[in-house]
Amino acid sequence: MIKISDLRLRDIVNITDGRRLGMIKDIDIDPEMGRVRAIVLPGQGKLMGFFGRGEDMTVPWERIKKIGVDVILVEINAFSEPHQDVV
């Protein structure tokens, strides 16, 4: 069993390009089914961290490939903006 508080401490890495996407900001849960629908990652800073942050990225649960001790591996194919909704 894995606690949500434990998941929030793990880095998220995209196995497609090796990019580190950050840590979990929030979790989207389906209350009717009692299942996790997606994880939400914080937006990256715009222009080298200045001028606020970009939009959050939502990664569907189906895109999570492996939950390890220190890292969560996700598979996100090509996308132009690093943080956006992924379908």
Foldseek 3Di string as FASTA:
>chain_A
DDDPVQQQQAWEAAPQVRDTQGGFPAWDADVVVRGTQWTKGWFAAPPVNPDDGDHIETGGPVQFDDDDNHHTYGHAPDDDGSGDYGD
